[in-house]
Amino acid sequence: MPTITDTPSTSLNELIRTRWSPRQYLDRAIAPADLKTLFEAARWASSCFNEQPWRFIVATKDDQEHFAKVLGLLMEMNQKWAAGAPVLGFSAGKKTFTHNGAPNRFGIHDVGAGSASLAIEAAARGLHAHFMGGFDAARARTEFAVPDDFEIGAAFAIGYIDEAAVKPGDRTRKPLGDLVFGKNWGEPAEFTA
C-alpha cells in the first residue's frame, strides 16, 4: 500500500482511502466470475434518468490477438507497464438519452461513476484498476467501430498488484475547502473547515 500522509478529515471507507493505480501487475488471470462482478459494480452506478450510458471494451490475455489490439491503442509509456496486466480495455459513454434523443451532457460523468464503482469493487477483491488518458481514442473508435453517439472515455488496466511494484510516494490530496464551495465560487463551504 502507498504511504498516506494526508489524513482524511472524516472517517472514510478504507477501500476509498487506500485505493491507488499501480503500474506493475502479476501475470495472474482474473477469474471470470470476479471480472463479471467488477463490471456488475459499474452497472449498478447511478446515472441521469437511469440511462446507464457506460459501455466497455474489455480484453483479457486469454485472447492474445484482442489483448494486443487494445494494448496497441495505448501510448508507448503506458504499453510498457500495461502489457503485464491480465485485463485491458476502454470505456465509452452514450452522448444522447435513449428515451428522447436529447443530448446527455452527464453521460461521460456517469461513465466515471461506473468506473469508480468498478475500482472500489476491484479493491474489495484484492485487485487494482488503473485508468488512463494516454491512449489513441480516435483509433479506438475506428478499430472497434464505436458509434458516433458514444464519447470515448478512459483506457484501463486491471489486475493483481505485484508486491514488488514501485509504490507511489506520499499520497496527498488538496484541502477539501479548495474543492467544495459554498455561497460563491472559491469560497469554501462551511462544513469543509
N, C-alpha and C. Protein backbone atom coordinates (compact mmCIF):
# COMPACT_ATOMS: atom_id res chain seq x y z
N MET A 1 0.83 -1.19 0.00
CA MET A 1 0.00 0.00 0.00
C MET A 1 0.87 1.26 0.00
N PRO A 2 0.37 2.32 -0.59
CA PRO A 2 1.11 3.56 -0.59
C PRO A 2 1.14 4.18 0.80
N THR A 3 2.11 5.04 1.01
CA THR A 3 2.16 5.81 2.25
C THR A 3 1.12 6.91 2.15
N ILE A 4 0.29 7.01 3.15
CA ILE A 4 -0.74 8.05 3.13
C ILE A 4 -0.39 9.07 4.20
N THR A 5 -0.01 10.25 3.77
CA THR A 5 0.40 11.27 4.72
C THR A 5 -0.70 12.27 5.01
N ASP A 6 -1.72 12.24 4.22
CA ASP A 6 -2.83 13.16 4.40
C ASP A 6 -3.98 12.40 5.05
N THR A 7 -4.32 12.75 6.25
CA THR A 7 -5.39 12.07 6.97
C THR A 7 -6.73 12.64 6.51
N PRO A 8 -7.66 11.79 6.11
CA PRO A 8 -8.97 12.31 5.72
C PRO A 8 -9.61 13.08 6.87
N SER A 9 -10.38 14.09 6.53
CA SER A 9 -11.00 14.94 7.54
C SER A 9 -12.19 14.25 8.21
N THR A 10 -12.60 13.10 7.72
CA THR A 10 -13.71 12.34 8.30
C THR A 10 -13.32 10.87 8.28
N SER A 11 -14.14 10.05 8.91
CA SER A 11 -13.89 8.62 8.79
C SER A 11 -14.31 8.23 7.37
N LEU A 12 -13.40 7.65 6.65
CA LEU A 12 -13.61 7.36 5.24
C LEU A 12 -13.45 5.87 5.02
N ASN A 13 -14.25 5.30 4.14
CA ASN A 13 -14.15 3.89 3.83
C ASN A 13 -12.71 3.55 3.45
N GLU A 14 -12.17 2.51 4.05
CA GLU A 14 -10.78 2.12 3.85
C GLU A 14 -10.48 1.81 2.38
N LEU A 15 -11.43 1.24 1.66
CA LEU A 15 -11.20 0.92 0.24
C LEU A 15 -10.98 2.18 -0.58
N ILE A 16 -11.71 3.24 -0.26
CA ILE A 16 -11.56 4.51 -0.98
C ILE A 16 -10.23 5.16 -0.59
N ARG A 17 -9.92 5.13 0.69
CA ARG A 17 -8.73 5.80 1.19
C ARG A 17 -7.44 5.15 0.70
N THR A 18 -7.42 3.84 0.52
CA THR A 18 -6.18 3.14 0.17
C THR A 18 -6.09 2.74 -1.29
N ARG A 19 -7.12 2.97 -2.07
CA ARG A 19 -7.10 2.63 -3.49
C ARG A 19 -6.02 3.46 -4.19
N TRP A 20 -5.27 2.83 -5.09
CA TRP A 20 -4.30 3.56 -5.90
C TRP A 20 -4.15 2.87 -7.24
N SER A 21 -3.39 3.46 -8.13
CA SER A 21 -3.28 2.99 -9.51
C SER A 21 -1.87 2.49 -9.80
N PRO A 22 -1.59 1.21 -9.55
CA PRO A 22 -0.24 0.69 -9.78
C PRO A 22 0.09 0.57 -11.27
N ARG A 23 1.38 0.43 -11.52
CA ARG A 23 1.87 0.24 -12.89
C ARG A 23 2.67 -1.05 -13.01
N GLN A 24 2.37 -1.99 -12.13
CA GLN A 24 3.07 -3.27 -12.18
C GLN A 24 2.12 -4.34 -11.64
N TYR A 25 1.82 -5.31 -12.50
CA TYR A 25 0.85 -6.34 -12.16
C TYR A 25 1.47 -7.73 -12.23
N LEU A 26 0.89 -8.64 -11.47
CA LEU A 26 1.29 -10.04 -11.55
C LEU A 26 0.72 -10.66 -12.84
N ASP A 27 1.43 -11.60 -13.39
CA ASP A 27 0.93 -12.32 -14.55
C ASP A 27 -0.01 -13.41 -14.04
N ARG A 28 -1.16 -12.99 -13.59
CA ARG A 28 -2.15 -13.88 -12.97
C ARG A 28 -3.53 -13.52 -13.49
N ALA A 29 -4.18 -14.46 -14.10
CA ALA A 29 -5.51 -14.22 -14.67
C ALA A 29 -6.52 -13.89 -13.57
N ILE A 30 -7.51 -13.13 -13.94
CA ILE A 30 -8.62 -12.82 -13.05
C ILE A 30 -9.74 -13.80 -13.37
N ALA A 31 -10.27 -14.44 -12.36
CA ALA A 31 -11.36 -15.40 -12.57
C ALA A 31 -12.52 -14.70 -13.27
N PRO A 32 -13.13 -15.34 -14.27
CA PRO A 32 -14.25 -14.73 -14.98
C PRO A 32 -15.36 -14.24 -14.03
N ALA A 33 -15.63 -14.97 -12.97
CA ALA A 33 -16.69 -14.54 -12.03
C ALA A 33 -16.30 -13.23 -11.35
N ASP A 34 -15.02 -13.06 -11.01
CA ASP A 34 -14.57 -11.81 -10.39
C ASP A 34 -14.64 -10.67 -11.40
N LEU A 35 -14.21 -10.93 -12.62
CA LEU A 35 -14.26 -9.90 -13.66
C LEU A 35 -15.70 -9.48 -13.91
N LYS A 36 -16.60 -10.44 -13.96
CA LYS A 36 -18.02 -10.13 -14.15
C LYS A 36 -18.52 -9.24 -13.02
N THR A 37 -18.09 -9.52 -11.78
CA THR A 37 -18.55 -8.73 -10.64
C THR A 37 -18.04 -7.30 -10.71
N LEU A 38 -16.84 -7.08 -11.22
CA LEU A 38 -16.34 -5.71 -11.37
C LEU A 38 -17.24 -4.90 -12.28
N PHE A 39 -17.63 -5.49 -13.39
CA PHE A 39 -18.48 -4.76 -14.33
C PHE A 39 -19.93 -4.71 -13.85
N GLU A 40 -20.31 -5.66 -13.02
CA GLU A 40 -21.62 -5.58 -12.36
C GLU A 40 -21.64 -4.37 -11.43
N ALA A 41 -20.53 -4.11 -10.74
CA ALA A 41 -20.44 -2.93 -9.87
C ALA A 41 -20.60 -1.66 -10.71
N ALA A 42 -19.97 -1.62 -11.87
CA ALA A 42 -20.13 -0.47 -12.76
C ALA A 42 -21.58 -0.33 -13.21
N ARG A 43 -22.20 -1.45 -13.51
CA ARG A 43 -23.59 -1.45 -13.99
C ARG A 43 -24.54 -0.85 -12.97
N TRP A 44 -24.24 -1.00 -11.68
CA TRP A 44 -25.14 -0.52 -10.64
C TRP A 44 -24.85 0.91 -10.19
N ALA A 45 -23.96 1.60 -10.87
CA ALA A 45 -23.68 3.00 -10.55
C ALA A 45 -24.91 3.85 -10.89
N SER A 46 -24.97 5.01 -10.30
CA SER A 46 -26.07 5.93 -10.59
C SER A 46 -25.85 6.60 -11.94
N SER A 47 -26.94 6.98 -12.60
CA SER A 47 -26.84 7.70 -13.86
C SER A 47 -28.08 8.54 -14.08
N CYS A 48 -27.92 9.62 -14.80
CA CYS A 48 -29.02 10.55 -15.09
C CYS A 48 -30.12 9.82 -15.86
N PHE A 49 -31.34 9.93 -15.39
CA PHE A 49 -32.51 9.25 -15.98
C PHE A 49 -32.31 7.73 -16.08
N ASN A 50 -31.41 7.19 -15.26
CA ASN A 50 -31.10 5.77 -15.30
C ASN A 50 -30.71 5.32 -16.72
N GLU A 51 -30.03 6.21 -17.43
CA GLU A 51 -29.62 5.94 -18.82
C GLU A 51 -28.60 4.80 -18.90
N GLN A 52 -27.76 4.70 -17.86
CA GLN A 52 -26.69 3.69 -17.88
C GLN A 52 -25.90 3.81 -19.19
N PRO A 53 -25.28 4.98 -19.41
CA PRO A 53 -24.64 5.25 -20.70
C PRO A 53 -23.29 4.57 -20.91
N TRP A 54 -22.77 3.92 -19.89
CA TRP A 54 -21.44 3.31 -19.97
C TRP A 54 -21.42 2.08 -20.87
N ARG A 55 -20.33 1.96 -21.58
CA ARG A 55 -20.02 0.77 -22.35
C ARG A 55 -18.53 0.52 -22.18
N PHE A 56 -18.13 -0.72 -22.22
CA PHE A 56 -16.73 -1.07 -22.02
C PHE A 56 -16.28 -2.08 -23.08
N ILE A 57 -15.14 -1.83 -23.67
CA ILE A 57 -14.46 -2.83 -24.48
C ILE A 57 -13.43 -3.45 -23.54
N VAL A 58 -13.43 -4.78 -23.42
CA VAL A 58 -12.56 -5.47 -22.48
C VAL A 58 -11.79 -6.58 -23.20
N ALA A 59 -10.51 -6.67 -22.89
CA ALA A 59 -9.66 -7.72 -23.46
C ALA A 59 -8.88 -8.39 -22.33
N THR A 60 -8.83 -9.72 -22.37
CA THR A 60 -8.02 -10.47 -21.41
C THR A 60 -6.91 -11.19 -22.18
N LYS A 61 -5.90 -11.61 -21.46
CA LYS A 61 -4.78 -12.30 -22.10
C LYS A 61 -5.18 -13.68 -22.62
N ASP A 62 -6.38 -14.14 -22.27
CA ASP A 62 -6.87 -15.40 -22.83
C ASP A 62 -7.02 -15.31 -24.35
N ASP A 63 -7.24 -14.09 -24.85
CA ASP A 63 -7.35 -13.86 -26.29
C ASP A 63 -6.22 -12.90 -26.66
N GLN A 64 -5.08 -13.44 -26.97
CA GLN A 64 -3.87 -12.63 -27.21
C GLN A 64 -4.04 -11.61 -28.33
N GLU A 65 -4.75 -11.98 -29.39
CA GLU A 65 -4.93 -11.06 -30.51
C GLU A 65 -5.75 -9.84 -30.10
N HIS A 66 -6.85 -10.08 -29.40
CA HIS A 66 -7.70 -8.98 -28.92
C HIS A 66 -6.95 -8.13 -27.90
N PHE A 67 -6.23 -8.78 -26.99
CA PHE A 67 -5.44 -8.07 -25.98
C PHE A 67 -4.42 -7.17 -26.66
N ALA A 68 -3.71 -7.69 -27.65
CA ALA A 68 -2.69 -6.91 -28.37
C ALA A 68 -3.31 -5.72 -29.09
N LYS A 69 -4.52 -5.89 -29.59
CA LYS A 69 -5.21 -4.79 -30.28
C LYS A 69 -5.51 -3.65 -29.31
N VAL A 70 -5.98 -3.98 -28.12
CA VAL A 70 -6.24 -2.94 -27.12
C VAL A 70 -4.93 -2.35 -26.63
N LEU A 71 -3.94 -3.19 -26.34
CA LEU A 71 -2.64 -2.70 -25.89
C LEU A 71 -2.04 -1.73 -26.90
N GLY A 72 -2.22 -2.01 -28.19
CA GLY A 72 -1.68 -1.17 -29.24
C GLY A 72 -2.29 0.22 -29.29
N LEU A 73 -3.42 0.43 -28.62
CA LEU A 73 -4.03 1.76 -28.57
C LEU A 73 -3.36 2.68 -27.56
N LEU A 74 -2.64 2.08 -26.60
CA LEU A 74 -2.04 2.86 -25.52
C LEU A 74 -0.78 3.57 -26.00
N MET A 75 -0.50 4.71 -25.38
CA MET A 75 0.76 5.39 -25.65
C MET A 75 1.90 4.48 -25.23
N GLU A 76 3.04 4.64 -25.86
CA GLU A 76 4.17 3.75 -25.63
C GLU A 76 4.52 3.61 -24.15
N MET A 77 4.54 4.73 -23.41
CA MET A 77 4.91 4.64 -21.99
C MET A 77 3.90 3.81 -21.20
N ASN A 78 2.63 3.86 -21.59
CA ASN A 78 1.61 3.04 -20.92
C ASN A 78 1.69 1.58 -21.39
N GLN A 79 2.03 1.36 -22.65
CA GLN A 79 2.17 -0.02 -23.16
C GLN A 79 3.20 -0.80 -22.35
N LYS A 80 4.28 -0.13 -21.98
CA LYS A 80 5.38 -0.82 -21.29
C LYS A 80 4.91 -1.49 -20.00
N TRP A 81 4.13 -0.79 -19.20
CA TRP A 81 3.70 -1.39 -17.93
C TRP A 81 2.38 -2.14 -18.07
N ALA A 82 1.47 -1.63 -18.93
CA ALA A 82 0.14 -2.24 -19.05
C ALA A 82 0.19 -3.63 -19.68
N ALA A 83 1.23 -3.93 -20.41
CA ALA A 83 1.36 -5.26 -21.03
C ALA A 83 1.38 -6.36 -19.97
N GLY A 84 1.75 -6.03 -18.75
CA GLY A 84 1.78 -7.01 -17.67
C GLY A 84 0.43 -7.27 -17.02
N ALA A 85 -0.54 -6.41 -17.25
CA ALA A 85 -1.87 -6.59 -16.65
C ALA A 85 -2.62 -7.69 -17.38
N PRO A 86 -3.45 -8.44 -16.68
CA PRO A 86 -4.21 -9.50 -17.35
C PRO A 86 -5.45 -9.00 -18.10
N VAL A 87 -5.88 -7.76 -17.80
CA VAL A 87 -7.09 -7.21 -18.41
C VAL A 87 -6.82 -5.77 -18.83
N LEU A 88 -7.19 -5.45 -20.06
CA LEU A 88 -7.13 -4.08 -20.57
C LEU A 88 -8.47 -3.73 -21.21
N GLY A 89 -8.72 -2.45 -21.35
CA GLY A 89 -9.93 -2.03 -22.04
C GLY A 89 -10.06 -0.53 -22.09
N PHE A 90 -11.21 -0.09 -22.53
CA PHE A 90 -11.53 1.34 -22.50
C PHE A 90 -13.04 1.50 -22.37
N SER A 91 -13.41 2.69 -21.92
CA SER A 91 -14.83 2.99 -21.69
C SER A 91 -15.33 3.97 -22.74
N ALA A 92 -16.64 4.01 -22.86
CA ALA A 92 -17.30 4.99 -23.72
C ALA A 92 -18.64 5.32 -23.08
N GLY A 93 -19.15 6.51 -23.37
CA GLY A 93 -20.42 6.94 -22.81
C GLY A 93 -21.36 7.46 -23.88
N LYS A 94 -22.61 7.05 -23.81
CA LYS A 94 -23.63 7.47 -24.78
C LYS A 94 -23.88 8.97 -24.64
N LYS A 95 -23.87 9.69 -25.76
CA LYS A 95 -24.00 11.15 -25.76
C LYS A 95 -25.43 11.64 -25.74
N THR A 96 -26.39 10.76 -26.03
CA THR A 96 -27.79 11.17 -26.06
C THR A 96 -28.63 10.25 -25.17
N PHE A 97 -29.76 10.78 -24.74
CA PHE A 97 -30.70 9.97 -23.96
C PHE A 97 -31.50 9.06 -24.89
N THR A 98 -31.65 7.83 -24.50
CA THR A 98 -32.38 6.86 -25.30
C THR A 98 -33.86 7.21 -25.39
N HIS A 99 -34.43 7.72 -24.29
CA HIS A 99 -35.88 7.95 -24.24
C HIS A 99 -36.35 9.12 -25.11
N ASN A 100 -35.45 10.08 -25.42
CA ASN A 100 -35.92 11.21 -26.23
C ASN A 100 -34.90 11.73 -27.24
N GLY A 101 -33.71 11.16 -27.29
CA GLY A 101 -32.69 11.58 -28.24
C GLY A 101 -32.00 12.89 -27.91
N ALA A 102 -32.38 13.52 -26.80
CA ALA A 102 -31.76 14.80 -26.41
C ALA A 102 -30.31 14.57 -25.97
N PRO A 103 -29.47 15.60 -26.11
CA PRO A 103 -28.08 15.47 -25.65
C PRO A 103 -28.02 15.13 -24.16
N ASN A 104 -27.11 14.25 -23.81
CA ASN A 104 -26.90 13.86 -22.41
C ASN A 104 -25.54 14.39 -21.99
N ARG A 105 -25.51 15.60 -21.45
CA ARG A 105 -24.23 16.18 -21.06
C ARG A 105 -23.66 15.51 -19.81
N PHE A 106 -24.40 14.60 -19.19
CA PHE A 106 -23.95 13.90 -17.99
C PHE A 106 -23.37 12.52 -18.32
N GLY A 107 -23.45 12.10 -19.58
CA GLY A 107 -23.06 10.74 -19.95
C GLY A 107 -21.66 10.36 -19.53
N ILE A 108 -20.66 11.18 -19.85
CA ILE A 108 -19.29 10.81 -19.51
C ILE A 108 -19.06 10.90 -18.01
N HIS A 109 -19.79 11.79 -17.33
CA HIS A 109 -19.75 11.85 -15.86
C HIS A 109 -20.24 10.52 -15.30
N ASP A 110 -21.33 10.02 -15.84
CA ASP A 110 -21.90 8.76 -15.35
C ASP A 110 -20.97 7.59 -15.64
N VAL A 111 -20.24 7.64 -16.76
CA VAL A 111 -19.24 6.60 -17.04
C VAL A 111 -18.16 6.64 -15.95
N GLY A 112 -17.79 7.84 -15.53
CA GLY A 112 -16.82 7.98 -14.44
C GLY A 112 -17.34 7.39 -13.15
N ALA A 113 -18.63 7.56 -12.88
CA ALA A 113 -19.22 6.97 -11.67
C ALA A 113 -19.17 5.45 -11.76
N GLY A 114 -19.46 4.90 -12.93
CA GLY A 114 -19.37 3.45 -13.11
C GLY A 114 -17.95 2.96 -12.95
N SER A 115 -17.00 3.72 -13.48
CA SER A 115 -15.59 3.34 -13.37
C SER A 115 -15.12 3.39 -11.92
N ALA A 116 -15.57 4.38 -11.16
CA ALA A 116 -15.22 4.47 -9.74
C ALA A 116 -15.79 3.27 -8.98
N SER A 117 -17.02 2.90 -9.29
CA SER A 117 -17.61 1.72 -8.64
C SER A 117 -16.80 0.47 -8.96
N LEU A 118 -16.38 0.35 -10.21
CA LEU A 118 -15.55 -0.78 -10.63
C LEU A 118 -14.24 -0.79 -9.84
N ALA A 119 -13.60 0.37 -9.69
CA ALA A 119 -12.32 0.45 -8.99
C ALA A 119 -12.46 0.08 -7.52
N ILE A 120 -13.54 0.49 -6.90
CA ILE A 120 -13.75 0.17 -5.48
C ILE A 120 -14.04 -1.32 -5.32
N GLU A 121 -14.84 -1.89 -6.21
CA GLU A 121 -15.10 -3.33 -6.16
C GLU A 121 -13.80 -4.11 -6.41
N ALA A 122 -12.97 -3.61 -7.31
CA ALA A 122 -11.68 -4.25 -7.55
C ALA A 122 -10.86 -4.26 -6.27
N ALA A 123 -10.80 -3.13 -5.59
CA ALA A 123 -10.03 -3.05 -4.34
C ALA A 123 -10.58 -4.02 -3.30
N ALA A 124 -11.89 -4.18 -3.25
CA ALA A 124 -12.51 -5.10 -2.29
C ALA A 124 -12.12 -6.55 -2.58
N ARG A 125 -11.74 -6.85 -3.82
CA ARG A 125 -11.39 -8.21 -4.23
C ARG A 125 -9.88 -8.42 -4.34
N GLY A 126 -9.11 -7.46 -3.83
CA GLY A 126 -7.65 -7.60 -3.89
C GLY A 126 -7.07 -7.29 -5.25
N LEU A 127 -7.83 -6.61 -6.09
CA LEU A 127 -7.39 -6.21 -7.43
C LEU A 127 -7.16 -4.71 -7.45
N HIS A 128 -6.54 -4.25 -8.52
CA HIS A 128 -6.34 -2.81 -8.71
C HIS A 128 -6.69 -2.45 -10.15
N ALA A 129 -7.34 -1.32 -10.29
CA ALA A 129 -7.66 -0.78 -11.62
C ALA A 129 -6.87 0.52 -11.81
N HIS A 130 -6.31 0.67 -12.98
CA HIS A 130 -5.57 1.89 -13.31
C HIS A 130 -6.22 2.48 -14.57
N PHE A 131 -6.83 3.64 -14.43
CA PHE A 131 -7.47 4.32 -15.56
C PHE A 131 -6.48 5.32 -16.14
N MET A 132 -6.51 5.47 -17.46
CA MET A 132 -5.53 6.35 -18.09
C MET A 132 -6.11 7.06 -19.31
N GLY A 133 -5.58 8.26 -19.54
CA GLY A 133 -5.95 9.04 -20.70
C GLY A 133 -4.97 8.88 -21.84
N GLY A 134 -3.82 8.27 -21.57
CA GLY A 134 -2.77 8.12 -22.57
C GLY A 134 -3.03 6.98 -23.53
N PHE A 135 -3.98 7.20 -24.45
CA PHE A 135 -4.27 6.22 -25.49
C PHE A 135 -4.90 6.94 -26.67
N ASP A 136 -4.96 6.27 -27.80
CA ASP A 136 -5.46 6.87 -29.03
C ASP A 136 -6.96 6.62 -29.14
N ALA A 137 -7.74 7.59 -28.67
CA ALA A 137 -9.20 7.45 -28.66
C ALA A 137 -9.77 7.39 -30.08
N ALA A 138 -9.18 8.12 -31.01
CA ALA A 138 -9.67 8.10 -32.39
C ALA A 138 -9.49 6.71 -33.00
N ARG A 139 -8.34 6.10 -32.76
CA ARG A 139 -8.11 4.74 -33.25
C ARG A 139 -9.04 3.75 -32.56
N ALA A 140 -9.27 3.95 -31.27
CA ALA A 140 -10.19 3.06 -30.54
C ALA A 140 -11.56 3.11 -31.20
N ARG A 141 -12.02 4.30 -31.52
CA ARG A 141 -13.33 4.45 -32.18
C ARG A 141 -13.36 3.69 -33.50
N THR A 142 -12.33 3.87 -34.31
CA THR A 142 -12.28 3.24 -35.62
C THR A 142 -12.10 1.73 -35.54
N GLU A 143 -11.10 1.30 -34.76
CA GLU A 143 -10.77 -0.12 -34.73
C GLU A 143 -11.83 -0.99 -34.06
N PHE A 144 -12.63 -0.38 -33.19
CA PHE A 144 -13.68 -1.14 -32.51
C PHE A 144 -15.08 -0.71 -32.94
N ALA A 145 -15.17 0.08 -34.01
CA ALA A 145 -16.45 0.50 -34.59
C ALA A 145 -17.38 1.10 -33.54
N VAL A 146 -16.84 2.00 -32.71
CA VAL A 146 -17.64 2.67 -31.69
C VAL A 146 -18.55 3.68 -32.40
N PRO A 147 -19.86 3.59 -32.19
CA PRO A 147 -20.79 4.50 -32.87
C PRO A 147 -20.52 5.97 -32.51
N ASP A 148 -20.88 6.87 -33.43
CA ASP A 148 -20.69 8.30 -33.22
C ASP A 148 -21.44 8.81 -32.00
N ASP A 149 -22.50 8.13 -31.60
CA ASP A 149 -23.30 8.58 -30.45
C ASP A 149 -22.62 8.27 -29.12
N PHE A 150 -21.38 7.79 -29.14
CA PHE A 150 -20.65 7.48 -27.91
C PHE A 150 -19.36 8.27 -27.85
N GLU A 151 -19.10 8.86 -26.70
CA GLU A 151 -17.84 9.56 -26.44
C GLU A 151 -16.87 8.56 -25.81
N ILE A 152 -15.66 8.52 -26.33
CA ILE A 152 -14.64 7.63 -25.77
C ILE A 152 -14.22 8.19 -24.41
N GLY A 153 -14.12 7.32 -23.41
CA GLY A 153 -13.75 7.74 -22.06
C GLY A 153 -12.28 7.51 -21.79
N ALA A 154 -11.97 6.58 -20.90
CA ALA A 154 -10.59 6.31 -20.48
C ALA A 154 -10.23 4.86 -20.79
N ALA A 155 -8.95 4.62 -20.99
CA ALA A 155 -8.44 3.25 -21.07
C ALA A 155 -8.21 2.77 -19.65
N PHE A 156 -8.10 1.45 -19.47
CA PHE A 156 -7.85 0.93 -18.13
C PHE A 156 -7.09 -0.39 -18.18
N ALA A 157 -6.42 -0.65 -17.07
CA ALA A 157 -5.76 -1.94 -16.82
C ALA A 157 -6.28 -2.42 -15.48
N ILE A 158 -6.50 -3.73 -15.37
CA ILE A 158 -6.98 -4.32 -14.12
C ILE A 158 -6.14 -5.56 -13.83
N GLY A 159 -5.77 -5.74 -12.58
CA GLY A 159 -5.03 -6.94 -12.23
C GLY A 159 -4.67 -6.99 -10.76
N TYR A 160 -3.92 -8.03 -10.43
CA TYR A 160 -3.38 -8.19 -9.08
C TYR A 160 -2.05 -7.48 -9.03
N ILE A 161 -1.84 -6.71 -7.99
CA ILE A 161 -0.61 -5.95 -7.89
C ILE A 161 0.58 -6.86 -7.60
N ASP A 162 1.66 -6.55 -8.24
CA ASP A 162 2.93 -7.21 -7.95
C ASP A 162 3.46 -6.54 -6.68
N GLU A 163 3.66 -7.31 -5.63
CA GLU A 163 4.11 -6.73 -4.36
C GLU A 163 5.46 -6.04 -4.48
N ALA A 164 6.21 -6.35 -5.54
CA ALA A 164 7.48 -5.68 -5.78
C ALA A 164 7.29 -4.36 -6.52
N ALA A 165 6.03 -4.02 -6.81
CA ALA A 165 5.74 -2.80 -7.56
C ALA A 165 6.25 -1.57 -6.81
N VAL A 166 6.68 -0.62 -7.60
CA VAL A 166 7.10 0.65 -7.02
C VAL A 166 5.87 1.35 -6.49
N LYS A 167 5.87 1.58 -5.20
CA LYS A 167 4.72 2.25 -4.57
C LYS A 167 4.81 3.75 -4.85
N PRO A 168 3.68 4.40 -4.90
CA PRO A 168 3.73 5.85 -5.10
C PRO A 168 4.36 6.51 -3.87
N GLY A 169 4.81 7.70 -4.06
CA GLY A 169 5.32 8.46 -2.92
C GLY A 169 4.17 8.82 -1.99
N ASP A 170 4.38 9.82 -1.23
CA ASP A 170 3.32 10.25 -0.31
C ASP A 170 2.05 10.56 -1.08
N ARG A 171 0.93 10.05 -0.57
CA ARG A 171 -0.36 10.35 -1.19
C ARG A 171 -0.97 11.51 -0.43
N THR A 172 -1.17 12.58 -1.12
CA THR A 172 -1.81 13.74 -0.50
C THR A 172 -2.98 14.15 -1.38
N ARG A 173 -3.86 14.90 -0.81
CA ARG A 173 -5.00 15.44 -1.53
C ARG A 173 -5.09 16.93 -1.24
N LYS A 174 -5.67 17.66 -2.19
CA LYS A 174 -5.92 19.09 -1.97
C LYS A 174 -6.85 19.23 -0.78
N PRO A 175 -6.75 20.34 -0.06
CA PRO A 175 -7.68 20.56 1.05
C PRO A 175 -9.13 20.58 0.54
N LEU A 176 -10.03 20.05 1.34
CA LEU A 176 -11.44 19.98 0.95
C LEU A 176 -11.99 21.36 0.61
N GLY A 177 -11.56 22.37 1.34
CA GLY A 177 -12.02 23.73 1.08
C GLY A 177 -11.62 24.28 -0.27
N ASP A 178 -10.59 23.69 -0.90
CA ASP A 178 -10.18 24.10 -2.25
C ASP A 178 -11.05 23.45 -3.32
N LEU A 179 -11.87 22.48 -2.92
CA LEU A 179 -12.64 21.70 -3.87
C LEU A 179 -14.15 21.86 -3.74
N VAL A 180 -14.60 22.18 -2.53
CA VAL A 180 -16.04 22.24 -2.25
C VAL A 180 -16.39 23.65 -1.79
N PHE A 181 -17.23 24.32 -2.58
CA PHE A 181 -17.55 25.71 -2.32
C PHE A 181 -18.96 25.87 -1.77
N GLY A 182 -19.16 27.00 -1.10
CA GLY A 182 -20.47 27.31 -0.53
C GLY A 182 -21.18 28.36 -1.35
N LYS A 183 -21.29 29.55 -0.79
CA LYS A 183 -22.10 30.61 -1.40
C LYS A 183 -21.52 31.15 -2.70
N ASN A 184 -20.22 31.17 -2.82
CA ASN A 184 -19.56 31.70 -4.01
C ASN A 184 -18.44 30.78 -4.45
N TRP A 185 -18.15 30.82 -5.77
CA TRP A 185 -17.04 30.05 -6.31
C TRP A 185 -15.76 30.45 -5.60
N GLY A 186 -15.00 29.47 -5.16
CA GLY A 186 -13.74 29.73 -4.48
C GLY A 186 -13.87 29.96 -2.99
N GLU A 187 -15.09 30.09 -2.49
CA GLU A 187 -15.34 30.29 -1.06
C GLU A 187 -15.68 28.94 -0.44
N PRO A 188 -14.80 28.40 0.41
CA PRO A 188 -15.04 27.06 0.96
C PRO A 188 -16.40 26.95 1.65
N ALA A 189 -17.07 25.83 1.43
CA ALA A 189 -18.32 25.56 2.14
C ALA A 189 -18.00 25.49 3.63
N GLU A 190 -18.93 25.91 4.46
CA GLU A 190 -18.69 25.98 5.92
C GLU A 190 -18.28 24.64 6.49
N PHE A 191 -18.84 23.56 6.03
CA PHE A 191 -18.55 22.26 6.62
C PHE A 191 -17.17 21.71 6.29
N THR A 192 -16.43 22.39 5.38
CA THR A 192 -15.13 21.87 4.99
C THR A 192 -14.02 22.23 5.99
N ALA A 193 -14.32 23.13 6.91
CA ALA A 193 -13.30 23.58 7.89
C ALA A 193 -12.97 22.48 8.88
